[in-house]
Amino acid sequence: MNMNYDNFLHMLEEENKEGCVEFALSKLESGELDVVTLYTEILEPSLNNMTCKLNEKKVCVWKEHIRTSIVRTIIECCYPYLLKEKRKNNIKSNKGSVVVVCPPEEYHEIGALMVADFFELNGFDTVFVGSNTPKEDFIGAIEYIEPKYVAISVTNYYNLVAAKAIIQEIKHTAKYPVKILVGGYAFNSNPESYKQIGADRLLQTYEEIRKFGEEGYNEASL
């Protein structure tokens, strides 16, 4: 039994923001947890396993938004510890730049926030754009930044159509061979769908991002 998860979930269900933030940061400060473990074993399951009680049906969306807001605050507070881990493990940002985005109308960005930190912890120079960014804006940003990779996070299955359109436009307008990485809940039922929307690689877990960082991008790996 994961007592850390159980204790955190209890506070989260009570919407105790102060308790949740202090709990998470204290575990990082003491070294009991690292950033990846906090994200993958506590924060991520606390969001994915949310259930709504019968007497709370009318406020389910409200409660989901509060829970998401608390988790987002924790992730943003983790950045100094992420930098500390990079220094401790002598991680250099030398594996190329990656822009992490969500397609238009995709409002679920917590997964993308975590992914941006995962790339950062594996030696990538990472830029997080955010949810529901207008297509024209981040197409323009990509042309300006010229990242080696664009990582698109898709939670809602229906946004795969928008992701496909974005990928096509990126590849059409880019003046160099930028590579498109995708991930998110929308690919769980059909992992091969990343090929259908024109992406180069599907990365769903921290371990997959870590291995991708170790191997480097090469055409044979696709």
C-alpha atoms as a PDB file:
ATOM      1  CA  MET A   1       0.000   0.000   0.000  1.00  0.00           C
ATOM      2  CA  ASN A   2       1.312   3.441  -0.935  1.00  0.00           C
ATOM      3  CA  MET A   3       0.813   5.421   2.263  1.00  0.00           C
ATOM      4  CA  ASN A   4       2.062   8.615   0.643  1.00  0.00           C
ATOM      5  CA  TYR A   5      -0.604   8.312  -2.049  1.00  0.00           C
ATOM      6  CA  ASP A   6      -3.344   7.481   0.455  1.00  0.00           C
ATOM      7  CA  ASN A   7      -2.442  10.409   2.703  1.00  0.00           C
ATOM      8  CA  PHE A   8      -2.246  12.808  -0.217  1.00  0.00           C
ATOM      9  CA  LEU A   9      -5.510  11.588  -1.728  1.00  0.00           C
ATOM     10  CA  HIS A  10      -7.320  12.077   1.567  1.00  0.00           C
ATOM     11  CA  MET A  11      -6.268  15.733   1.682  1.00  0.00           C
ATOM     12  CA  LEU A  12      -7.049  16.194  -2.008  1.00  0.00           C
ATOM     13  CA  GLU A  13     -10.559  14.815  -1.585  1.00  0.00           C
ATOM     14  CA  GLU A  14     -11.069  17.308   1.241  1.00  0.00           C
ATOM     15  CA  GLU A  15      -9.822  20.045  -1.143  1.00  0.00           C
ATOM     16  CA  ASN A  16      -7.111  20.921   1.365  1.00  0.00           C
ATOM     17  CA  LYS A  17      -4.828  22.848  -0.966  1.00  0.00           C
ATOM     18  CA  GLU A  18      -2.428  24.012   1.738  1.00  0.00           C
ATOM     19  CA  GLY A  19      -2.049  20.507   3.126  1.00  0.00           C
ATOM     20  CA  CYS A  20      -1.514  18.966  -0.320  1.00  0.00           C
ATOM     21  CA  VAL A  21       1.144  21.479  -1.332  1.00  0.00           C
ATOM     22  CA  GLU A  22       2.998  21.268   1.973  1.00  0.00           C
ATOM     23  CA  PHE A  23       2.853  17.463   1.903  1.00  0.00           C
ATOM     24  CA  ALA A  24       4.281  17.199  -1.616  1.00  0.00           C
ATOM     25  CA  LEU A  25       7.030  19.755  -1.088  1.00  0.00           C
ATOM     26  CA  SER A  26       8.047  18.273   2.256  1.00  0.00           C
ATOM     27  CA  LYS A  27       8.555  14.878   0.596  1.00  0.00           C
ATOM     28  CA  LEU A  28      10.758  16.459  -2.056  1.00  0.00           C
ATOM     29  CA  GLU A  29      12.663  18.498   0.521  1.00  0.00           C
ATOM     30  CA  SER A  30      13.411  15.438   2.647  1.00  0.00           C
ATOM     31  CA  GLY A  31      14.409  13.363  -0.373  1.00  0.00           C
ATOM     32  CA  GLU A  32      11.769  10.744   0.377  1.00  0.00           C
ATOM     33  CA  LEU A  33      10.359  11.367  -3.096  1.00  0.00           C
ATOM     34  CA  ASP A  34      11.866  12.707  -6.284  1.00  0.00           C
ATOM     35  CA  VAL A  35       9.950  14.705  -8.884  1.00  0.00           C
ATOM     36  CA  VAL A  36       9.251  11.748 -11.183  1.00  0.00           C
ATOM     37  CA  THR A  37       7.962   9.550  -8.366  1.00  0.00           C
ATOM     38  CA  LEU A  38       5.766  12.350  -7.051  1.00  0.00           C
ATOM     39  CA  TYR A  39       4.271  12.889 -10.495  1.00  0.00           C
ATOM     40  CA  THR A  40       3.821   9.261 -11.561  1.00  0.00           C
ATOM     41  CA  GLU A  41       2.874   7.591  -8.272  1.00  0.00           C
ATOM     42  CA  ILE A  42       0.904  10.328  -6.532  1.00  0.00           C
ATOM     43  CA  LEU A  43      -0.224  13.247  -8.701  1.00  0.00           C
ATOM     44  CA  GLU A  44      -1.100  11.394 -11.894  1.00  0.00           C
ATOM     45  CA  PRO A  45      -3.146   8.603 -10.269  1.00  0.00           C
ATOM     46  CA  SER A  46      -4.890  11.104  -8.008  1.00  0.00           C
ATOM     47  CA  LEU A  47      -6.296  12.734 -11.143  1.00  0.00           C
ATOM     48  CA  ASN A  48      -6.923   9.599 -13.203  1.00  0.00           C
ATOM     49  CA  ASN A  49      -8.719   7.731 -10.417  1.00  0.00           C
ATOM     50  CA  MET A  50     -11.133  10.473  -9.436  1.00  0.00           C
ATOM     51  CA  THR A  51     -14.674   9.234  -8.825  1.00  0.00           C
ATOM     52  CA  CYS A  52     -17.805  11.233  -8.205  1.00  0.00           C
ATOM     53  CA  LYS A  53     -20.141  10.248  -5.404  1.00  0.00           C
ATOM     54  CA  LEU A  54     -23.838   9.947  -6.192  1.00  0.00           C
ATOM     55  CA  ASN A  55     -24.737  12.909  -3.976  1.00  0.00           C
ATOM     56  CA  GLU A  56     -22.080  15.074  -5.677  1.00  0.00           C
ATOM     57  CA  LYS A  57     -23.168  14.657  -9.310  1.00  0.00           C
ATOM     58  CA  LYS A  58     -24.150  18.312  -9.660  1.00  0.00           C
ATOM     59  CA  VAL A  59     -20.707  19.529  -8.612  1.00  0.00           C
ATOM     60  CA  CYS A  60     -18.528  16.884 -10.263  1.00  0.00           C
ATOM     61  CA  VAL A  61     -17.018  19.259 -12.818  1.00  0.00           C
ATOM     62  CA  TRP A  62     -16.483  21.884 -10.123  1.00  0.00           C
ATOM     63  CA  LYS A  63     -14.667  19.390  -7.904  1.00  0.00           C
ATOM     64  CA  GLU A  64     -12.574  18.142 -10.824  1.00  0.00           C
ATOM     65  CA  HIS A  65     -11.460  21.698 -11.569  1.00  0.00           C
ATOM     66  CA  ILE A  66     -10.499  22.295  -7.935  1.00  0.00           C
ATOM     67  CA  ARG A  67      -8.516  19.063  -7.847  1.00  0.00           C
ATOM     68  CA  THR A  68      -6.762  19.950 -11.094  1.00  0.00           C
ATOM     69  CA  SER A  69      -5.965  23.435  -9.789  1.00  0.00           C
ATOM     70  CA  ILE A  70      -4.352  22.002  -6.646  1.00  0.00           C
ATOM     71  CA  VAL A  71      -2.234  19.553  -8.631  1.00  0.00           C
ATOM     72  CA  ARG A  72      -1.193  22.279 -11.049  1.00  0.00           C
ATOM     73  CA  THR A  73      -0.021  24.447  -8.138  1.00  0.00           C
ATOM     74  CA  ILE A  74       2.086  21.575  -6.839  1.00  0.00           C
ATOM     75  CA  ILE A  75       3.695  20.983 -10.241  1.00  0.00           C
ATOM     76  CA  GLU A  76       4.580  24.656 -10.579  1.00  0.00           C
ATOM     77  CA  CYS A  77       6.083  24.640  -7.076  1.00  0.00           C
ATOM     78  CA  CYS A  78       8.236  21.629  -8.001  1.00  0.00           C
ATOM     79  CA  TYR A  79      10.409  23.465 -10.497  1.00  0.00           C
ATOM     80  CA  PRO A  80      13.188  24.407  -8.018  1.00  0.00           C
ATOM     81  CA  TYR A  81      13.416  20.740  -7.010  1.00  0.00           C
ATOM     82  CA  LEU A  82      13.571  19.744 -10.674  1.00  0.00           C
ATOM     83  CA  LEU A  83      16.544  22.082 -11.128  1.00  0.00           C
ATOM     84  CA  LYS A  84      18.137  20.643  -7.984  1.00  0.00           C
ATOM     85  CA  GLU A  85      17.806  17.125  -9.385  1.00  0.00           C
ATOM     86  CA  LYS A  86      19.331  18.230 -12.680  1.00  0.00           C
ATOM     87  CA  ARG A  87      22.349  19.666 -10.888  1.00  0.00           C
ATOM     88  CA  LYS A  88      22.682  16.627  -8.618  1.00  0.00           C
ATOM     89  CA  ASN A  89      22.611  14.232 -11.585  1.00  0.00           C
ATOM     90  CA  ASN A  90      24.709  16.513 -13.805  1.00  0.00           C
ATOM     91  CA  ILE A  91      21.986  16.677 -16.461  1.00  0.00           C
ATOM     92  CA  LYS A  92      22.856  19.043 -19.284  1.00  0.00           C
ATOM     93  CA  SER A  93      20.274  20.451 -21.683  1.00  0.00           C
ATOM     94  CA  ASN A  94      22.119  19.169 -24.727  1.00  0.00           C
ATOM     95  CA  LYS A  95      19.643  16.873 -26.463  1.00  0.00           C
ATOM     96  CA  GLY A  96      17.838  19.498 -28.470  1.00  0.00           C
ATOM     97  CA  SER A  97      14.865  21.741 -27.863  1.00  0.00           C
ATOM     98  CA  VAL A  98      11.291  20.520 -27.552  1.00  0.00           C
ATOM     99  CA  VAL A  99       8.120  22.602 -27.575  1.00  0.00           C
ATOM    100  CA  VAL A 100       5.260  21.017 -25.617  1.00  0.00           C
ATOM    101  CA  VAL A 101       1.784  22.082 -26.759  1.00  0.00           C
ATOM    102  CA  CYS A 102      -1.877  21.090 -26.635  1.00  0.00           C
ATOM    103  CA  PRO A 103      -4.095  21.391 -29.725  1.00  0.00           C
ATOM    104  CA  PRO A 104      -6.804  24.079 -29.893  1.00  0.00           C
ATOM    105  CA  GLU A 105      -9.865  23.247 -27.770  1.00  0.00           C
ATOM    106  CA  GLU A 106      -7.754  20.920 -25.597  1.00  0.00           C
ATOM    107  CA  TYR A 107      -8.105  22.295 -22.073  1.00  0.00           C
ATOM    108  CA  HIS A 108      -6.469  19.433 -20.189  1.00  0.00           C
ATOM    109  CA  GLU A 109      -2.867  20.505 -19.759  1.00  0.00           C
ATOM    110  CA  ILE A 110      -1.715  18.849 -16.528  1.00  0.00           C
ATOM    111  CA  GLY A 111      -0.324  15.882 -18.448  1.00  0.00           C
ATOM    112  CA  ALA A 112       1.514  18.242 -20.779  1.00  0.00           C
ATOM    113  CA  LEU A 113       2.969  20.102 -17.790  1.00  0.00           C
ATOM    114  CA  MET A 114       4.338  16.862 -16.382  1.00  0.00           C
ATOM    115  CA  VAL A 115       5.677  15.823 -19.779  1.00  0.00           C
ATOM    116  CA  ALA A 116       7.513  19.132 -20.137  1.00  0.00           C
ATOM    117  CA  ASP A 117       9.258  18.456 -16.818  1.00  0.00           C
ATOM    118  CA  PHE A 118      10.056  14.875 -17.872  1.00  0.00           C
ATOM    119  CA  PHE A 119      11.782  16.149 -21.005  1.00  0.00           C
ATOM    120  CA  GLU A 120      13.633  18.718 -18.900  1.00  0.00           C
ATOM    121  CA  LEU A 121      14.867  16.002 -16.543  1.00  0.00           C
ATOM    122  CA  ASN A 122      16.240  14.054 -19.498  1.00  0.00           C
ATOM    123  CA  GLY A 123      18.412  16.733 -21.028  1.00  0.00           C
ATOM    124  CA  PHE A 124      16.061  18.534 -23.379  1.00  0.00           C
ATOM    125  CA  ASP A 125      15.702  22.299 -23.578  1.00  0.00           C
ATOM    126  CA  THR A 126      11.959  22.481 -23.000  1.00  0.00           C
ATOM    127  CA  VAL A 127       9.364  25.159 -23.741  1.00  0.00           C
ATOM    128  CA  PHE A 128       5.822  24.631 -22.431  1.00  0.00           C
ATOM    129  CA  VAL A 129       3.220  26.559 -24.425  1.00  0.00           C
ATOM    130  CA  GLY A 130      -0.012  25.608 -22.669  1.00  0.00           C
ATOM    131  CA  SER A 131      -3.541  24.491 -23.437  1.00  0.00           C
ATOM    132  CA  ASN A 132      -5.839  25.732 -26.168  1.00  0.00           C
ATOM    133  CA  THR A 133      -3.139  27.766 -27.890  1.00  0.00           C
ATOM    134  CA  PRO A 134      -4.407  29.124 -31.229  1.00  0.00           C
ATOM    135  CA  LYS A 135      -2.868  27.182 -34.085  1.00  0.00           C
ATOM    136  CA  GLU A 136      -1.486  30.243 -35.810  1.00  0.00           C
ATOM    137  CA  ASP A 137       0.289  31.364 -32.633  1.00  0.00           C
ATOM    138  CA  PHE A 138       2.289  28.247 -31.968  1.00  0.00           C
ATOM    139  CA  ILE A 139       2.948  27.630 -35.670  1.00  0.00           C
ATOM    140  CA  GLY A 140       4.521  31.087 -35.625  1.00  0.00           C
ATOM    141  CA  ALA A 141       6.381  30.299 -32.415  1.00  0.00           C
ATOM    142  CA  ILE A 142       7.762  27.086 -33.888  1.00  0.00           C
ATOM    143  CA  GLU A 143       9.050  29.006 -36.895  1.00  0.00           C
ATOM    144  CA  TYR A 144      10.706  31.479 -34.519  1.00  0.00           C
ATOM    145  CA  ILE A 145      12.157  29.017 -31.975  1.00  0.00           C
ATOM    146  CA  GLU A 146      12.975  26.275 -34.505  1.00  0.00           C
ATOM    147  CA  PRO A 147      12.817  23.399 -32.008  1.00  0.00           C
ATOM    148  CA  LYS A 148      14.176  19.981 -32.846  1.00  0.00           C
ATOM    149  CA  TYR A 149      10.964  18.380 -31.590  1.00  0.00           C
ATOM    150  CA  VAL A 150       7.333  19.372 -31.100  1.00  0.00           C
ATOM    151  CA  ALA A 151       5.483  17.317 -28.471  1.00  0.00           C
ATOM    152  CA  ILE A 152       1.688  17.437 -28.702  1.00  0.00           C
ATOM    153  CA  SER A 153      -0.361  16.265 -25.721  1.00  0.00           C
ATOM    154  CA  VAL A 154      -3.913  15.101 -26.507  1.00  0.00           C
ATOM    155  CA  THR A 155      -6.295  14.049 -23.740  1.00  0.00           C
ATOM    156  CA  ASN A 156      -9.662  14.225 -25.490  1.00  0.00           C
ATOM    157  CA  TYR A 157     -10.036  11.636 -28.255  1.00  0.00           C
ATOM    158  CA  TYR A 158     -12.026  14.091 -30.371  1.00  0.00           C
ATOM    159  CA  ASN A 159      -9.039  16.433 -30.516  1.00  0.00           C
ATOM    160  CA  LEU A 160      -7.029  13.936 -32.555  1.00  0.00           C
ATOM    161  CA  VAL A 161      -8.531  15.524 -35.665  1.00  0.00           C
ATOM    162  CA  ALA A 162      -7.209  18.919 -34.618  1.00  0.00           C
ATOM    163  CA  ALA A 163      -3.833  17.379 -33.788  1.00  0.00           C
ATOM    164  CA  LYS A 164      -3.648  15.836 -37.248  1.00  0.00           C
ATOM    165  CA  ALA A 165      -4.348  19.200 -38.888  1.00  0.00           C
ATOM    166  CA  ILE A 166      -1.663  20.863 -36.774  1.00  0.00           C
ATOM    167  CA  ILE A 167       0.904  18.207 -37.621  1.00  0.00           C
ATOM    168  CA  GLN A 168       0.185  18.563 -41.322  1.00  0.00           C
ATOM    169  CA  GLU A 169       0.596  22.326 -41.131  1.00  0.00           C
ATOM    170  CA  ILE A 170       3.802  22.121 -39.102  1.00  0.00           C
ATOM    171  CA  LYS A 171       5.367  19.753 -41.615  1.00  0.00           C
ATOM    172  CA  HIS A 172       4.136  21.863 -44.502  1.00  0.00           C
ATOM    173  CA  THR A 173       5.416  25.190 -43.183  1.00  0.00           C
ATOM    174  CA  ALA A 174       8.589  24.142 -41.335  1.00  0.00           C
ATOM    175  CA  LYS A 175      11.763  24.990 -43.218  1.00  0.00           C
ATOM    176  CA  TYR A 176      13.635  22.087 -41.613  1.00  0.00           C
ATOM    177  CA  PRO A 177      12.746  18.469 -40.635  1.00  0.00           C
ATOM    178  CA  VAL A 178      11.140  19.042 -37.224  1.00  0.00           C
ATOM    179  CA  LYS A 179      10.020  15.804 -35.580  1.00  0.00           C
ATOM    180  CA  ILE A 180       6.563  15.429 -34.046  1.00  0.00           C
ATOM    181  CA  LEU A 181       6.104  13.537 -30.778  1.00  0.00           C
ATOM    182  CA  VAL A 182       2.674  12.832 -29.330  1.00  0.00           C
ATOM    183  CA  GLY A 183       1.187  11.380 -26.162  1.00  0.00           C
ATOM    184  CA  GLY A 184      -1.816  11.524 -23.897  1.00  0.00           C
ATOM    185  CA  TYR A 185      -4.952   9.668 -22.882  1.00  0.00           C
ATOM    186  CA  ALA A 186      -6.427   9.969 -26.383  1.00  0.00           C
ATOM    187  CA  PHE A 187      -3.962   7.351 -27.657  1.00  0.00           C
ATOM    188  CA  ASN A 188      -4.643   4.731 -24.978  1.00  0.00           C
ATOM    189  CA  SER A 189      -7.326   2.810 -26.870  1.00  0.00           C
ATOM    190  CA  ASN A 190      -5.375   2.779 -30.138  1.00  0.00           C
ATOM    191  CA  PRO A 191      -1.650   3.430 -29.733  1.00  0.00           C
ATOM    192  CA  GLU A 192      -1.098   3.069 -33.479  1.00  0.00           C
ATOM    193  CA  SER A 193      -3.284   6.096 -34.161  1.00  0.00           C
ATOM    194  CA  TYR A 194      -0.227   8.338 -33.802  1.00  0.00           C
ATOM    195  CA  LYS A 195       0.842   7.112 -37.245  1.00  0.00           C
ATOM    196  CA  GLN A 196      -2.577   7.910 -38.710  1.00  0.00           C
ATOM    197  CA  ILE A 197      -2.308  11.557 -37.651  1.00  0.00           C
ATOM    198  CA  GLY A 198       1.205  11.906 -39.046  1.00  0.00           C
ATOM    199  CA  ALA A 199       3.278  11.937 -35.855  1.00  0.00           C
ATOM    200  CA  ASP A 200       6.770  10.446 -35.757  1.00  0.00           C
ATOM    201  CA  ARG A 201       6.732   8.915 -32.288  1.00  0.00           C
ATOM    202  CA  LEU A 202       4.350   8.066 -29.449  1.00  0.00           C
ATOM    203  CA  LEU A 203       5.705   8.636 -25.932  1.00  0.00           C
ATOM    204  CA  GLN A 204       3.273   7.784 -23.132  1.00  0.00           C
ATOM    205  CA  THR A 205       5.371   7.330 -20.006  1.00  0.00           C
ATOM    206  CA  TYR A 206       8.364   8.809 -18.247  1.00  0.00           C
ATOM    207  CA  GLU A 207      10.334   5.659 -19.005  1.00  0.00           C
ATOM    208  CA  GLU A 208       9.638   6.026 -22.727  1.00  0.00           C
ATOM    209  CA  ILE A 209      10.796   9.657 -22.621  1.00  0.00           C
ATOM    210  CA  ARG A 210      13.921   8.603 -20.731  1.00  0.00           C
ATOM    211  CA  LYS A 211      14.762   5.930 -23.303  1.00  0.00           C
ATOM    212  CA  PHE A 212      14.073   8.366 -26.119  1.00  0.00           C
ATOM    213  CA  GLY A 213      16.539  10.784 -24.561  1.00  0.00           C
ATOM    214  CA  GLU A 214      19.155   8.050 -24.211  1.00  0.00           C
ATOM    215  CA  GLU A 215      18.879   6.684 -27.723  1.00  0.00           C
ATOM    216  CA  GLY A 216      18.515  10.015 -29.464  1.00  0.00           C
ATOM    217  CA  TYR A 217      16.286  10.428 -32.458  1.00  0.00           C
ATOM    218  CA  ASN A 218      17.056   8.325 -35.510  1.00  0.00           C
ATOM    219  CA  GLU A 219      14.947   7.247 -38.453  1.00  0.00           C
ATOM    220  CA  ALA A 220      15.445   3.552 -37.728  1.00  0.00           C
ATOM    221  CA  SER A 221      13.762   3.911 -34.332  1.00  0.00           C
ATOM    222  CA  LEU A 222      10.381   4.819 -35.824  1.00  0.00           C
END
